[in-house]
N, C-alpha and C. Protein backbone atom coordinates (compact mmCIF):
# COMPACT_ATOMS: atom_id res chain seq x y z
N MET A 1 -33.98 161.52 58.05
CA MET A 1 -32.64 161.91 58.47
C MET A 1 -32.06 160.87 59.41
N THR A 2 -32.90 160.35 60.29
CA THR A 2 -32.42 159.33 61.21
C THR A 2 -32.03 158.06 60.45
N THR A 3 -32.75 157.78 59.39
CA THR A 3 -32.43 156.59 58.62
C THR A 3 -31.06 156.72 57.97
N ILE A 4 -30.74 157.88 57.47
CA ILE A 4 -29.42 158.10 56.85
C ILE A 4 -28.33 157.94 57.91
N PHE A 5 -28.58 158.54 59.07
CA PHE A 5 -27.61 158.40 60.15
C PHE A 5 -27.48 156.95 60.58
N ALA A 6 -28.58 156.25 60.72
CA ALA A 6 -28.56 154.84 61.13
C ALA A 6 -27.85 153.99 60.08
N ASN A 7 -28.13 154.24 58.80
CA ASN A 7 -27.44 153.48 57.75
C ASN A 7 -25.94 153.75 57.77
N ALA A 8 -25.56 155.00 57.93
CA ALA A 8 -24.13 155.36 57.99
C ALA A 8 -23.47 154.73 59.22
N PHE A 9 -24.18 154.75 60.33
CA PHE A 9 -23.63 154.14 61.54
C PHE A 9 -23.40 152.64 61.35
N TRP A 10 -24.39 151.94 60.82
CA TRP A 10 -24.26 150.49 60.62
C TRP A 10 -23.20 150.17 59.56
N LEU A 11 -23.09 151.01 58.54
CA LEU A 11 -22.04 150.83 57.54
C LEU A 11 -20.67 150.99 58.18
N PHE A 12 -20.52 152.04 58.98
CA PHE A 12 -19.26 152.26 59.69
C PHE A 12 -18.95 151.09 60.63
N LEU A 13 -19.94 150.64 61.37
CA LEU A 13 -19.76 149.51 62.28
C LEU A 13 -19.37 148.24 61.52
N GLY A 14 -19.96 148.02 60.37
CA GLY A 14 -19.62 146.86 59.53
C GLY A 14 -18.19 146.92 59.03
N ILE A 15 -17.75 148.11 58.65
CA ILE A 15 -16.37 148.28 58.19
C ILE A 15 -15.39 148.02 59.32
N VAL A 16 -15.69 148.56 60.51
CA VAL A 16 -14.82 148.34 61.67
C VAL A 16 -14.79 146.86 62.04
N ALA A 17 -15.94 146.21 62.04
CA ALA A 17 -15.99 144.78 62.36
C ALA A 17 -15.22 143.97 61.32
N GLY A 18 -15.38 144.32 60.06
CA GLY A 18 -14.64 143.62 59.00
C GLY A 18 -13.14 143.80 59.15
N ALA A 19 -12.72 145.00 59.47
CA ALA A 19 -11.29 145.26 59.68
C ALA A 19 -10.78 144.47 60.88
N PHE A 20 -11.57 144.41 61.94
CA PHE A 20 -11.18 143.64 63.12
C PHE A 20 -11.05 142.15 62.78
N VAL A 21 -12.03 141.62 62.06
CA VAL A 21 -11.98 140.20 61.67
C VAL A 21 -10.76 139.95 60.79
N GLN A 22 -10.49 140.83 59.84
CA GLN A 22 -9.32 140.66 58.96
C GLN A 22 -8.02 140.73 59.76
N HIS A 23 -7.96 141.66 60.69
CA HIS A 23 -6.77 141.77 61.54
C HIS A 23 -6.58 140.51 62.38
N PHE A 24 -7.66 139.99 62.92
CA PHE A 24 -7.60 138.77 63.73
C PHE A 24 -7.16 137.57 62.89
N LEU A 25 -7.69 137.45 61.68
CA LEU A 25 -7.29 136.35 60.79
C LEU A 25 -5.82 136.47 60.39
N ASN A 26 -5.35 137.68 60.15
CA ASN A 26 -3.92 137.89 59.85
C ASN A 26 -3.06 137.50 61.04
N PHE A 27 -3.51 137.84 62.24
CA PHE A 27 -2.79 137.46 63.45
C PHE A 27 -2.69 135.93 63.56
N LEU A 28 -3.80 135.25 63.34
CA LEU A 28 -3.79 133.79 63.42
C LEU A 28 -2.88 133.17 62.36
N THR A 29 -2.88 133.72 61.16
CA THR A 29 -2.03 133.21 60.09
C THR A 29 -0.55 133.40 60.42
N THR A 30 -0.18 134.60 60.84
CA THR A 30 1.24 134.83 61.16
C THR A 30 1.65 134.03 62.39
N ARG A 31 0.75 133.84 63.31
CA ARG A 31 1.04 133.03 64.49
C ARG A 31 1.30 131.58 64.09
N ARG A 32 0.47 131.05 63.21
CA ARG A 32 0.65 129.67 62.74
C ARG A 32 1.97 129.54 61.97
N GLN A 33 2.29 130.53 61.14
CA GLN A 33 3.55 130.49 60.41
C GLN A 33 4.74 130.53 61.35
N ALA A 34 4.68 131.38 62.38
CA ALA A 34 5.77 131.45 63.36
C ALA A 34 5.88 130.15 64.13
N SER A 35 4.75 129.56 64.48
CA SER A 35 4.75 128.29 65.20
C SER A 35 5.36 127.17 64.34
N ASN A 36 5.00 127.14 63.07
CA ASN A 36 5.58 126.14 62.16
C ASN A 36 7.08 126.37 61.99
N ALA A 37 7.49 127.63 61.87
CA ALA A 37 8.92 127.95 61.74
C ALA A 37 9.68 127.50 62.97
N LEU A 38 9.10 127.72 64.14
CA LEU A 38 9.74 127.29 65.38
C LEU A 38 9.88 125.77 65.42
N ARG A 39 8.83 125.06 65.03
CA ARG A 39 8.91 123.59 65.04
C ARG A 39 9.98 123.08 64.09
N VAL A 40 10.07 123.68 62.91
CA VAL A 40 11.10 123.29 61.95
C VAL A 40 12.49 123.55 62.53
N MET A 41 12.65 124.71 63.14
CA MET A 41 13.94 125.05 63.74
C MET A 41 14.28 124.09 64.89
N GLN A 42 13.28 123.72 65.67
CA GLN A 42 13.53 122.80 66.78
C GLN A 42 13.90 121.40 66.29
N VAL A 43 13.33 120.96 65.19
CA VAL A 43 13.72 119.67 64.61
C VAL A 43 15.19 119.71 64.20
N GLU A 44 15.58 120.81 63.55
CA GLU A 44 16.98 120.96 63.15
C GLU A 44 17.90 121.01 64.36
N ILE A 45 17.52 121.74 65.38
CA ILE A 45 18.34 121.84 66.59
C ILE A 45 18.46 120.48 67.26
N THR A 46 17.36 119.75 67.37
CA THR A 46 17.40 118.41 67.98
C THR A 46 18.32 117.50 67.19
N TYR A 47 18.21 117.53 65.88
CA TYR A 47 19.09 116.71 65.04
C TYR A 47 20.56 117.08 65.27
N ASN A 48 20.85 118.38 65.29
CA ASN A 48 22.23 118.82 65.47
C ASN A 48 22.75 118.50 66.87
N LEU A 49 21.90 118.55 67.88
CA LEU A 49 22.34 118.18 69.23
C LEU A 49 22.68 116.69 69.28
N ASP A 50 21.92 115.87 68.57
CA ASP A 50 22.26 114.45 68.48
C ASP A 50 23.60 114.26 67.77
N GLU A 51 23.88 115.09 66.78
CA GLU A 51 25.17 115.03 66.09
C GLU A 51 26.31 115.45 67.01
N VAL A 52 26.05 116.39 67.92
CA VAL A 52 27.08 116.77 68.90
C VAL A 52 27.41 115.57 69.78
N ASP A 53 26.39 114.82 70.19
CA ASP A 53 26.64 113.61 70.98
C ASP A 53 27.54 112.64 70.21
N ALA A 54 27.25 112.44 68.93
CA ALA A 54 28.07 111.55 68.10
C ALA A 54 29.49 112.11 67.96
N PHE A 55 29.59 113.42 67.81
CA PHE A 55 30.90 114.06 67.69
C PHE A 55 31.71 113.86 68.97
N LEU A 56 31.08 114.05 70.12
CA LEU A 56 31.79 113.88 71.39
C LEU A 56 32.21 112.42 71.59
N ARG A 57 31.39 111.48 71.14
CA ARG A 57 31.79 110.06 71.20
C ARG A 57 33.01 109.81 70.32
N HIS A 58 33.06 110.46 69.16
CA HIS A 58 34.21 110.31 68.27
C HIS A 58 35.46 110.91 68.91
N VAL A 59 35.31 112.04 69.57
CA VAL A 59 36.46 112.66 70.26
C VAL A 59 36.98 111.71 71.34
N GLU A 60 36.09 111.09 72.10
CA GLU A 60 36.51 110.12 73.13
C GLU A 60 37.20 108.91 72.49
N TRP A 61 36.67 108.46 71.38
CA TRP A 61 37.28 107.35 70.66
C TRP A 61 38.69 107.73 70.21
N LEU A 62 38.85 108.94 69.66
CA LEU A 62 40.17 109.42 69.25
C LEU A 62 41.13 109.48 70.43
N LYS A 63 40.65 109.98 71.56
CA LYS A 63 41.51 110.05 72.74
C LYS A 63 41.99 108.67 73.15
N GLY A 64 41.10 107.69 73.10
CA GLY A 64 41.50 106.32 73.45
C GLY A 64 42.53 105.76 72.50
N ARG A 65 42.32 105.98 71.21
CA ARG A 65 43.27 105.49 70.21
C ARG A 65 44.62 106.18 70.32
N ILE A 66 44.59 107.49 70.54
CA ILE A 66 45.85 108.23 70.65
C ILE A 66 46.60 107.81 71.91
N ALA A 67 45.88 107.67 73.02
CA ALA A 67 46.52 107.27 74.27
C ALA A 67 47.16 105.89 74.15
N ALA A 68 46.53 105.01 73.37
CA ALA A 68 47.06 103.66 73.20
C ALA A 68 48.08 103.58 72.06
N GLY A 69 48.26 104.67 71.33
CA GLY A 69 49.19 104.68 70.21
C GLY A 69 48.70 103.81 69.06
N GLN A 70 47.39 103.71 68.88
CA GLN A 70 46.82 102.81 67.88
C GLN A 70 46.20 103.54 66.70
N ILE A 71 46.67 104.73 66.42
CA ILE A 71 46.11 105.47 65.28
C ILE A 71 47.23 106.20 64.56
N GLU A 72 47.14 106.19 63.25
CA GLU A 72 48.11 106.92 62.44
C GLU A 72 47.63 108.34 62.24
N GLU A 73 48.57 109.24 62.00
CA GLU A 73 48.23 110.66 61.92
C GLU A 73 47.22 110.95 60.81
N ASP A 74 47.30 110.25 59.69
CA ASP A 74 46.37 110.51 58.60
C ASP A 74 44.96 109.99 58.88
N LYS A 75 44.77 109.21 59.92
CA LYS A 75 43.45 108.71 60.32
C LYS A 75 42.78 109.60 61.36
N ILE A 76 43.50 110.62 61.81
CA ILE A 76 42.94 111.54 62.80
C ILE A 76 42.12 112.59 62.07
N PHE A 77 40.83 112.65 62.37
CA PHE A 77 39.96 113.65 61.78
C PHE A 77 38.78 113.93 62.70
N LEU A 78 38.17 115.09 62.52
CA LEU A 78 37.01 115.48 63.30
C LEU A 78 35.81 115.62 62.35
N PRO A 79 34.85 114.72 62.46
CA PRO A 79 33.72 114.74 61.51
C PRO A 79 32.64 115.74 61.92
N MET A 80 32.35 116.66 61.03
CA MET A 80 31.24 117.59 61.27
C MET A 80 30.38 117.72 60.02
N HIS A 81 30.53 116.78 59.10
CA HIS A 81 29.84 116.86 57.82
C HIS A 81 28.35 116.51 57.91
N LYS A 82 27.90 115.93 59.01
CA LYS A 82 26.50 115.54 59.12
C LYS A 82 25.62 116.62 59.76
N PHE A 83 26.20 117.70 60.25
CA PHE A 83 25.40 118.77 60.82
C PHE A 83 24.57 119.42 59.71
N ASP A 84 23.34 119.78 60.03
CA ASP A 84 22.41 120.30 59.03
C ASP A 84 21.92 121.69 59.45
N TYR A 85 22.09 122.63 58.54
CA TYR A 85 21.63 124.00 58.77
C TYR A 85 20.75 124.47 57.61
N SER A 86 20.00 123.55 57.03
CA SER A 86 19.23 123.87 55.83
C SER A 86 18.02 124.77 56.09
N THR A 87 17.56 124.88 57.31
CA THR A 87 16.38 125.73 57.56
C THR A 87 16.74 127.20 57.69
N ILE A 88 18.01 127.51 57.87
CA ILE A 88 18.39 128.91 58.09
C ILE A 88 18.01 129.78 56.90
N GLY A 89 18.30 129.32 55.69
CA GLY A 89 18.00 130.11 54.49
C GLY A 89 16.52 130.46 54.37
N PRO A 90 15.65 129.44 54.31
CA PRO A 90 14.22 129.77 54.18
C PRO A 90 13.66 130.57 55.36
N LEU A 91 14.10 130.25 56.57
CA LEU A 91 13.59 130.99 57.73
C LEU A 91 14.12 132.42 57.77
N SER A 92 15.35 132.62 57.28
CA SER A 92 15.88 134.00 57.19
C SER A 92 15.12 134.79 56.14
N ASN A 93 14.85 134.15 55.00
CA ASN A 93 14.13 134.85 53.94
C ASN A 93 12.72 135.25 54.37
N SER A 94 12.10 134.44 55.19
CA SER A 94 10.75 134.76 55.66
C SER A 94 10.78 135.72 56.86
N GLY A 95 11.95 135.92 57.45
CA GLY A 95 12.07 136.80 58.61
C GLY A 95 11.89 136.09 59.94
N HIS A 96 11.50 134.83 59.90
CA HIS A 96 11.23 134.12 61.15
C HIS A 96 12.50 133.79 61.94
N PHE A 97 13.59 133.53 61.25
CA PHE A 97 14.82 133.11 61.93
C PHE A 97 15.28 134.17 62.93
N HIS A 98 15.42 135.39 62.48
CA HIS A 98 15.89 136.46 63.34
C HIS A 98 14.81 136.91 64.32
N MET A 99 13.56 136.93 63.86
CA MET A 99 12.46 137.38 64.71
C MET A 99 12.26 136.42 65.89
N LEU A 100 12.30 135.12 65.62
CA LEU A 100 12.07 134.15 66.69
C LEU A 100 13.23 134.11 67.68
N LEU A 101 14.44 134.13 67.16
CA LEU A 101 15.60 133.96 68.04
C LEU A 101 15.93 135.21 68.85
N GLY A 102 15.81 136.36 68.26
CA GLY A 102 16.24 137.57 68.96
C GLY A 102 17.76 137.65 68.96
N ALA A 103 18.31 138.74 69.39
CA ALA A 103 19.76 138.99 69.28
C ALA A 103 20.60 137.99 70.07
N ASP A 104 20.25 137.73 71.32
CA ASP A 104 21.08 136.86 72.16
C ASP A 104 21.06 135.42 71.68
N ASN A 105 19.87 134.89 71.38
CA ASN A 105 19.78 133.51 70.91
C ASN A 105 20.33 133.36 69.50
N LEU A 106 20.21 134.40 68.69
CA LEU A 106 20.79 134.37 67.36
C LEU A 106 22.31 134.22 67.45
N ARG A 107 22.92 134.97 68.37
CA ARG A 107 24.37 134.87 68.57
C ARG A 107 24.75 133.45 68.97
N LYS A 108 24.00 132.84 69.90
CA LYS A 108 24.29 131.47 70.33
C LYS A 108 24.15 130.49 69.18
N TYR A 109 23.10 130.65 68.39
CA TYR A 109 22.87 129.74 67.27
C TYR A 109 23.99 129.86 66.24
N LEU A 110 24.39 131.09 65.92
CA LEU A 110 25.44 131.28 64.93
C LEU A 110 26.80 130.81 65.44
N GLU A 111 27.08 130.99 66.73
CA GLU A 111 28.32 130.45 67.30
C GLU A 111 28.32 128.92 67.19
N PHE A 112 27.19 128.29 67.45
CA PHE A 112 27.06 126.85 67.29
C PHE A 112 27.33 126.46 65.84
N LEU A 113 26.69 127.16 64.92
CA LEU A 113 26.87 126.89 63.49
C LEU A 113 28.33 127.05 63.09
N TYR A 114 28.97 128.12 63.50
CA TYR A 114 30.36 128.37 63.09
C TYR A 114 31.31 127.32 63.66
N PHE A 115 31.03 126.81 64.84
CA PHE A 115 31.91 125.79 65.41
C PHE A 115 31.69 124.44 64.72
N PHE A 116 30.43 124.06 64.53
CA PHE A 116 30.10 122.75 63.97
C PHE A 116 29.79 122.84 62.48
N GLN A 117 30.76 123.26 61.70
CA GLN A 117 30.60 123.26 60.25
C GLN A 117 31.84 122.63 59.63
N SER A 118 31.69 122.18 58.41
CA SER A 118 32.76 121.43 57.75
C SER A 118 34.05 122.23 57.62
N GLU A 119 33.95 123.52 57.35
CA GLU A 119 35.15 124.34 57.22
C GLU A 119 35.94 124.38 58.53
N ASN A 120 35.24 124.52 59.63
CA ASN A 120 35.91 124.53 60.93
C ASN A 120 36.46 123.15 61.25
N ALA A 121 35.76 122.11 60.83
CA ALA A 121 36.26 120.75 61.06
C ALA A 121 37.60 120.54 60.37
N SER A 122 37.72 121.07 59.16
CA SER A 122 39.00 120.96 58.43
C SER A 122 40.11 121.69 59.19
N PHE A 123 39.80 122.89 59.66
CA PHE A 123 40.79 123.66 60.41
C PHE A 123 41.17 122.94 61.70
N LEU A 124 40.18 122.48 62.45
CA LEU A 124 40.45 121.79 63.72
C LEU A 124 41.21 120.49 63.50
N THR A 125 40.89 119.78 62.43
CA THR A 125 41.60 118.53 62.12
C THR A 125 43.07 118.81 61.81
N GLN A 126 43.32 119.84 61.00
CA GLN A 126 44.72 120.20 60.69
C GLN A 126 45.46 120.57 61.97
N ARG A 127 44.83 121.35 62.79
CA ARG A 127 45.46 121.77 64.05
C ARG A 127 45.69 120.57 64.97
N LEU A 128 44.71 119.65 65.01
CA LEU A 128 44.85 118.44 65.82
C LEU A 128 46.03 117.60 65.35
N ARG A 129 46.19 117.48 64.06
CA ARG A 129 47.33 116.71 63.53
C ARG A 129 48.65 117.38 63.88
N LEU A 130 48.68 118.72 63.84
CA LEU A 130 49.90 119.42 64.25
C LEU A 130 50.18 119.20 65.73
N GLU A 131 49.13 119.29 66.55
CA GLU A 131 49.30 119.06 67.98
C GLU A 131 49.71 117.61 68.26
N HIS A 132 49.21 116.69 67.46
CA HIS A 132 49.58 115.28 67.62
C HIS A 132 51.07 115.09 67.32
N GLY A 133 51.57 115.86 66.35
CA GLY A 133 52.98 115.77 66.01
C GLY A 133 53.90 116.23 67.13
N VAL A 134 53.41 117.08 68.01
CA VAL A 134 54.22 117.56 69.13
C VAL A 134 53.72 116.98 70.46
N ASN A 135 53.01 115.86 70.39
CA ASN A 135 52.52 115.14 71.57
C ASN A 135 51.62 115.99 72.47
N ASN A 136 50.78 116.82 71.86
CA ASN A 136 49.86 117.65 72.62
C ASN A 136 48.41 117.43 72.19
N SER A 137 48.15 116.33 71.51
CA SER A 137 46.82 116.10 70.95
C SER A 137 45.76 115.84 72.02
N MET A 138 46.14 115.21 73.12
CA MET A 138 45.16 114.93 74.17
C MET A 138 44.61 116.22 74.78
N ALA A 139 45.49 117.17 75.06
CA ALA A 139 45.04 118.45 75.60
C ALA A 139 44.17 119.19 74.59
N TYR A 140 44.54 119.11 73.33
CA TYR A 140 43.76 119.77 72.29
C TYR A 140 42.38 119.12 72.14
N LEU A 141 42.33 117.81 72.23
CA LEU A 141 41.04 117.12 72.18
C LEU A 141 40.18 117.47 73.39
N ASP A 142 40.80 117.63 74.54
CA ASP A 142 40.05 118.07 75.73
C ASP A 142 39.44 119.45 75.49
N TRP A 143 40.22 120.35 74.89
CA TRP A 143 39.73 121.70 74.59
C TRP A 143 38.56 121.63 73.61
N ILE A 144 38.70 120.81 72.56
CA ILE A 144 37.63 120.66 71.57
C ILE A 144 36.36 120.13 72.24
N ALA A 145 36.50 119.15 73.10
CA ALA A 145 35.33 118.58 73.79
C ALA A 145 34.67 119.63 74.69
N GLU A 146 35.47 120.45 75.37
CA GLU A 146 34.91 121.51 76.21
C GLU A 146 34.15 122.54 75.37
N GLU A 147 34.72 122.93 74.24
CA GLU A 147 34.05 123.88 73.35
C GLU A 147 32.76 123.29 72.81
N ALA A 148 32.80 122.04 72.39
CA ALA A 148 31.59 121.39 71.87
C ALA A 148 30.51 121.32 72.94
N GLN A 149 30.90 120.97 74.15
CA GLN A 149 29.94 120.88 75.25
C GLN A 149 29.37 122.25 75.58
N SER A 150 30.18 123.28 75.52
CA SER A 150 29.72 124.64 75.78
C SER A 150 28.65 125.06 74.77
N HIS A 151 28.90 124.82 73.50
CA HIS A 151 27.93 125.15 72.46
C HIS A 151 26.67 124.30 72.60
N TYR A 152 26.85 123.05 72.97
CA TYR A 152 25.73 122.13 73.18
C TYR A 152 24.80 122.66 74.28
N SER A 153 25.39 123.08 75.38
CA SER A 153 24.57 123.53 76.51
C SER A 153 23.84 124.84 76.19
N LYS A 154 24.40 125.67 75.32
CA LYS A 154 23.72 126.91 74.94
C LYS A 154 22.53 126.65 74.03
N MET A 155 22.56 125.56 73.29
CA MET A 155 21.47 125.26 72.35
C MET A 155 20.33 124.48 73.00
N ARG A 156 20.58 123.81 74.10
CA ARG A 156 19.54 122.99 74.74
C ARG A 156 18.26 123.78 75.04
N PRO A 157 18.35 124.99 75.61
CA PRO A 157 17.10 125.70 75.90
C PRO A 157 16.28 126.03 74.64
N LEU A 158 16.96 126.24 73.51
CA LEU A 158 16.25 126.54 72.27
C LEU A 158 15.46 125.34 71.77
N LYS A 159 15.94 124.16 72.11
CA LYS A 159 15.26 122.94 71.69
C LYS A 159 13.85 122.85 72.28
N ASP A 160 13.66 123.37 73.48
CA ASP A 160 12.38 123.28 74.18
C ASP A 160 11.63 124.61 74.24
N ALA A 161 12.03 125.58 73.42
CA ALA A 161 11.42 126.91 73.46
C ALA A 161 9.97 126.86 72.96
N LYS A 162 9.20 127.80 73.44
CA LYS A 162 7.80 127.93 73.03
C LYS A 162 7.54 129.40 72.69
N LEU A 163 6.50 129.64 71.91
CA LEU A 163 6.11 131.01 71.61
C LEU A 163 5.28 131.57 72.76
N THR A 164 5.41 132.85 72.99
CA THR A 164 4.52 133.48 73.97
C THR A 164 3.11 133.51 73.39
N ARG A 165 2.15 133.76 74.22
CA ARG A 165 0.75 133.65 73.79
C ARG A 165 0.38 134.66 72.71
N PHE A 166 0.75 135.93 72.88
CA PHE A 166 0.26 136.95 71.96
C PHE A 166 1.35 137.58 71.09
N THR A 167 2.60 137.25 71.35
CA THR A 167 3.67 137.77 70.50
C THR A 167 4.40 136.60 69.89
N LYS A 168 5.36 136.92 69.03
CA LYS A 168 6.14 135.86 68.40
C LYS A 168 7.51 135.72 69.06
N ALA A 169 7.59 136.07 70.32
CA ALA A 169 8.83 135.93 71.07
C ALA A 169 8.90 134.54 71.69
N LEU A 170 10.11 134.10 72.00
CA LEU A 170 10.30 132.77 72.57
C LEU A 170 10.32 132.81 74.08
N VAL A 171 9.79 131.75 74.66
CA VAL A 171 9.95 131.49 76.08
C VAL A 171 10.82 130.25 76.14
N LEU A 172 12.00 130.38 76.71
CA LEU A 172 12.96 129.28 76.71
C LEU A 172 12.63 128.29 77.81
N GLY A 173 12.93 127.02 77.51
CA GLY A 173 12.76 125.96 78.50
C GLY A 173 13.82 126.08 79.58
N GLN A 174 13.71 125.27 80.58
CA GLN A 174 14.67 125.27 81.67
C GLN A 174 15.99 124.68 81.18
N GLU A 175 17.08 125.32 81.56
CA GLU A 175 18.40 124.80 81.21
C GLU A 175 18.69 123.58 82.06
N PRO A 176 19.43 122.60 81.48
CA PRO A 176 19.72 121.38 82.25
C PRO A 176 20.60 121.63 83.43
């Protein structure tokens, strides 16, 4: 009778240990996937922040040309075609995009995306040309630069974010 009890006990213990090992391996796998997703997202964010720098340089160049009267209206444009948001689709499909960012950071990321996209560039360029026609383009360019800088500063902490040790939540870096 003791042998049956001992065999049942060791069988139960083996099942529990196997379940624990499987759970631990699943944790490590999902942790690695979340870490890889974060790194991919950070590469995209770093690239886009560099594009913001180029965009702001273009805005300054436009301001100089407009102030000197050295640009024709049809040459005034705001380039946003180089911004890349290709990781959003795959990361959203896997659930990592929303899970990693959380509600507040997701809002910041999407506001950044909506401002720095080609469709908005077309709208802002048309509006800039209209403002240029009424001699208000410098103020409008100042507003665009302020908006771009605002979105830039909200994305900086995400660039240096890290995962917490046991969850898939982000710990944000220090803001500049």
